[in-house]
Protein backbone atom coordinates (compact mmCIF):
# COMPACT_ATOMS: atom_id res chain seq x y z
CA UNK A 1 -65.84 67.73 -182.17
CA UNK A 2 -66.56 65.13 -179.56
CA UNK A 3 -67.67 66.63 -176.30
CA UNK A 4 -68.71 63.30 -174.72
CA UNK A 5 -72.02 64.72 -173.57
CA UNK A 6 -75.20 62.93 -174.65
CA UNK A 7 -77.75 64.96 -176.49
CA UNK A 8 -80.66 63.07 -174.91
CA UNK A 9 -80.99 61.95 -171.28
CA UNK A 10 -83.27 59.60 -169.48
CA UNK A 11 -85.23 60.82 -166.46
CA UNK A 12 -82.66 59.79 -163.92
CA UNK A 13 -79.80 61.46 -165.81
CA UNK A 14 -81.77 64.65 -166.38
CA UNK A 15 -82.83 64.79 -162.68
CA UNK A 16 -79.18 64.39 -161.69
CA UNK A 17 -78.10 67.05 -164.16
CA UNK A 18 -80.38 69.70 -162.61
CA UNK A 19 -80.24 68.34 -159.06
CA UNK A 20 -83.87 67.40 -158.51
CA UNK A 21 -85.70 64.21 -157.66
CA UNK A 22 -86.68 62.04 -160.66
CA UNK A 23 -90.37 62.26 -159.62
CA UNK A 24 -90.11 66.07 -160.13
CA UNK A 25 -89.02 65.41 -163.69
CA UNK A 26 -91.95 62.99 -164.18
CA UNK A 27 -94.38 65.63 -162.92
CA UNK A 28 -92.85 68.30 -165.14
CA UNK A 29 -93.36 65.98 -168.19
CA UNK A 30 -96.98 65.21 -167.23
CA UNK A 31 -97.86 68.90 -166.80
CA UNK A 32 -96.15 69.95 -170.00
CA UNK A 33 -93.42 72.08 -168.46
CA UNK A 34 -90.81 69.73 -169.85
CA UNK A 35 -90.73 68.27 -173.37
CA UNK A 36 -89.86 64.57 -173.63
CA UNK A 37 -90.59 61.63 -175.87
CA UNK A 38 -91.30 57.98 -175.04
CA UNK A 39 -89.22 55.26 -176.59
CA UNK A 40 -92.12 52.88 -176.77
CA UNK A 41 -95.90 52.85 -176.56
CA UNK A 42 -96.29 51.05 -173.30
CA UNK A 43 -97.21 52.45 -169.88
CA UNK A 44 -93.72 51.80 -168.52
CA UNK A 45 -91.73 52.92 -171.61
CA UNK A 46 -88.68 55.10 -170.98
CA UNK A 47 -88.62 58.79 -171.70
CA UNK A 48 -85.79 60.75 -173.32
CA UNK A 49 -85.33 64.46 -172.76
CA UNK A 50 -83.12 66.71 -174.94
CA UNK A 51 -80.20 68.24 -173.00
CA UNK A 52 -81.26 71.56 -174.60
CA UNK A 53 -84.39 71.46 -172.34
CA UNK A 54 -82.17 72.57 -169.44
CA UNK A 55 -81.42 75.85 -171.22
CA UNK A 56 -85.06 76.30 -172.30
CA UNK A 57 -86.28 75.76 -168.71
CA UNK A 58 -83.81 78.37 -167.45
CA UNK A 59 -85.04 80.85 -170.04
CA UNK A 60 -88.70 80.27 -169.15
CA UNK A 61 -87.91 80.69 -165.43
CA UNK A 62 -85.89 83.84 -166.17
CA UNK A 63 -88.86 85.27 -168.18
CA UNK A 64 -91.19 84.58 -165.29
CA UNK A 65 -88.88 86.38 -162.88
CA UNK A 66 -88.60 89.37 -165.19
CA UNK A 67 -92.40 89.54 -165.59
CA UNK A 68 -92.88 89.33 -161.84
CA UNK A 69 -90.37 92.08 -161.13
CA UNK A 70 -92.03 94.29 -163.75
CA UNK A 71 -95.46 93.75 -162.21
CA UNK A 72 -94.07 94.60 -158.76
CA UNK A 73 -92.52 97.80 -160.10
CA UNK A 74 -95.85 98.79 -161.79
CA UNK A 75 -97.80 98.09 -158.59
CA UNK A 76 -95.29 100.08 -156.60
CA UNK A 77 -95.72 103.09 -158.89
CA UNK A 78 -99.50 102.92 -158.66
CA UNK A 79 -99.32 102.96 -154.86
CA UNK A 80 -97.16 106.14 -154.79
């Protein structure tokens, strides 16, 4: 099976894949929201990000939305 999709993307490719600015991806890596690894040890070394991180990010965001909706529902019942 050859699906022609790379398993690992650089910052620019990943940003393009999820339609955000590359600086947003850099910030997400710095704050730990996105897992990535450096190809070298230098300050300007390139990062690679697994394509599977897209799905993981979506699941994390979905979990946050569900938690927020549950809290709103609980607060609504307390105010009744």
